[in-house]
C-alpha atoms as a PDB file:
ATOM      1  CA  MET A   1     106.388   8.903  30.151  1.00  0.00           C
ATOM      2  CA  ALA A   2     109.731   9.702  29.848  1.00  0.00           C
ATOM      3  CA  LYS A   3     112.860   8.652  31.507  1.00  0.00           C
ATOM      4  CA  VAL A   4     113.509  10.691  34.612  1.00  0.00           C
ATOM      5  CA  ARG A   5     117.540  12.124  35.550  1.00  0.00           C
ATOM      6  CA  VAL A   6     118.190  10.449  39.600  1.00  0.00           C
ATOM      7  CA  TYR A   7     118.915  14.516  40.625  1.00  0.00           C
ATOM      8  CA  GLU A   8     115.523  15.441  38.691  1.00  0.00           C
ATOM      9  CA  LEU A   9     114.061  13.115  40.987  1.00  0.00           C
ATOM     10  CA  ALA A  10     115.866  14.447  44.400  1.00  0.00           C
ATOM     11  CA  LYS A  11     114.683  17.217  43.698  1.00  0.00           C
ATOM     12  CA  GLU A  12     111.041  16.748  43.441  1.00  0.00           C
ATOM     13  CA  LEU A  13     111.444  14.163  45.937  1.00  0.00           C
ATOM     14  CA  GLY A  14     112.721  16.928  48.599  1.00  0.00           C
ATOM     15  CA  ILE A  15     115.244  14.596  49.273  1.00  0.00           C
ATOM     16  CA  GLU A  16     119.610  14.332  48.342  1.00  0.00           C
ATOM     17  CA  SER A  17     120.897  12.387  45.415  1.00  0.00           C
ATOM     18  CA  LYS A  18     122.904   9.582  46.804  1.00  0.00           C
ATOM     19  CA  VAL A  19     119.769   8.821  48.958  1.00  0.00           C
ATOM     20  CA  VAL A  20     117.513   8.237  45.582  1.00  0.00           C
ATOM     21  CA  MET A  21     120.890   6.439  44.082  1.00  0.00           C
ATOM     22  CA  ALA A  22     120.925   4.565  47.018  1.00  0.00           C
ATOM     23  CA  LYS A  23     117.526   3.399  47.192  1.00  0.00           C
ATOM     24  CA  LEU A  24     116.980   2.686  43.676  1.00  0.00           C
ATOM     25  CA  GLN A  25     120.365   0.880  43.890  1.00  0.00           C
ATOM     26  CA  GLU A  26     118.525  -1.667  46.688  1.00  0.00           C
ATOM     27  CA  MET A  27     115.652  -2.460  44.650  1.00  0.00           C
ATOM     28  CA  GLY A  28     118.176  -3.561  42.096  1.00  0.00           C
ATOM     29  CA  GLU A  29     118.168  -0.595  39.506  1.00  0.00           C
ATOM     30  CA  PHE A  30     121.648  -0.016  38.017  1.00  0.00           C
ATOM     31  CA  VAL A  31     122.638   4.582  38.384  1.00  0.00           C
ATOM     32  CA  ARG A  32     126.308   4.736  37.625  1.00  0.00           C
ATOM     33  CA  SER A  33     125.544   8.946  39.031  1.00  0.00           C
ATOM     34  CA  ALA A  34     122.919  12.078  39.571  1.00  0.00           C
ATOM     35  CA  SER A  35     122.991  12.083  35.691  1.00  0.00           C
ATOM     36  CA  SER A  36     121.560   8.562  35.614  1.00  0.00           C
ATOM     37  CA  THR A  37     117.999   8.109  33.880  1.00  0.00           C
ATOM     38  CA  VAL A  38     114.885   6.170  35.520  1.00  0.00           C
ATOM     39  CA  GLU A  39     112.448   3.765  33.493  1.00  0.00           C
ATOM     40  CA  PRO A  40     109.349   5.023  34.592  1.00  0.00           C
ATOM     41  CA  PRO A  41     107.547   2.239  36.016  1.00  0.00           C
ATOM     42  CA  VAL A  42     110.508   2.169  38.338  1.00  0.00           C
ATOM     43  CA  VAL A  43     110.149   5.871  39.223  1.00  0.00           C
ATOM     44  CA  ARG A  44     106.701   5.916  39.762  1.00  0.00           C
ATOM     45  CA  LYS A  45     107.739   2.751  42.324  1.00  0.00           C
ATOM     46  CA  LEU A  46     110.049   4.885  43.839  1.00  0.00           C
ATOM     47  CA  ARG A  47     107.450   7.661  44.578  1.00  0.00           C
ATOM     48  CA  GLU A  48     105.246   5.339  45.560  1.00  0.00           C
ATOM     49  CA  ASP A  49     108.432   4.259  48.298  1.00  0.00           C
ATOM     50  CA  PHE A  50     109.668   7.310  49.307  1.00  0.00           C
ATOM     51  CA  PRO A  51     106.704   9.493  50.725  1.00  0.00           C
ATOM     52  CA  ALA A  52     105.842   5.911  53.147  1.00  0.00           C
ATOM     53  CA  GLU A  53     109.757   5.881  54.677  1.00  0.00           C
ATOM     54  CA  LEU A  54     110.401   9.710  55.423  1.00  0.00           C
ATOM     55  CA  ALA A  55     106.650   9.962  57.016  1.00  0.00           C
ATOM     56  CA  ALA A  56     108.141   6.888  58.921  1.00  0.00           C
ATOM     57  CA  LYS A  57     111.832   8.730  60.111  1.00  0.00           C
ATOM     58  CA  GLY A  58     109.434  12.454  60.650  1.00  0.00           C
ATOM     59  CA  VAL A  59     110.575  13.954  57.140  1.00  0.00           C
ATOM     60  CA  LYS A  60     108.493  16.254  55.047  1.00  0.00           C
ATOM     61  CA  THR A  61     108.477  15.412  51.706  1.00  0.00           C
ATOM     62  CA  SER A  62     107.755  19.398  50.734  1.00  0.00           C
ATOM     63  CA  PRO A  63     107.034  21.635  52.917  1.00  0.00           C
ATOM     64  CA  ALA A  64     103.366  22.516  53.233  1.00  0.00           C
ATOM     65  CA  PRO A  65     102.761  26.015  52.221  1.00  0.00           C
ATOM     66  CA  ALA A  66     101.356  28.823  55.049  1.00  0.00           C
ATOM     67  CA  ALA A  67      98.558  30.075  55.136  1.00  0.00           C
ATOM     68  CA  PRO A  68      98.239  33.991  54.530  1.00  0.00           C
ATOM     69  CA  ALA A  69      98.017  35.811  57.304  1.00  0.00           C
ATOM     70  CA  ALA A  70      94.462  36.918  58.558  1.00  0.00           C
ATOM     71  CA  PRO A  71      93.973  40.999  58.375  1.00  0.00           C
ATOM     72  CA  ALA A  72      92.962  42.237  62.080  1.00  0.00           C
END
């Protein structure tokens, strides 16, 4: 797995880059900007942690695709 940029990770999670940067800084990671890279183990931990936090706040990380309407 290659290094991931903060803005790419934010886009994947469906949140703003500054939120990801704040979380990374809480985790003790040094990030200067949204184009900073993040090591694979840190990305994995962030992906594990973030859906639980967002679900607790009632925020969906990715919208569920709408089911097609059945013909009448």
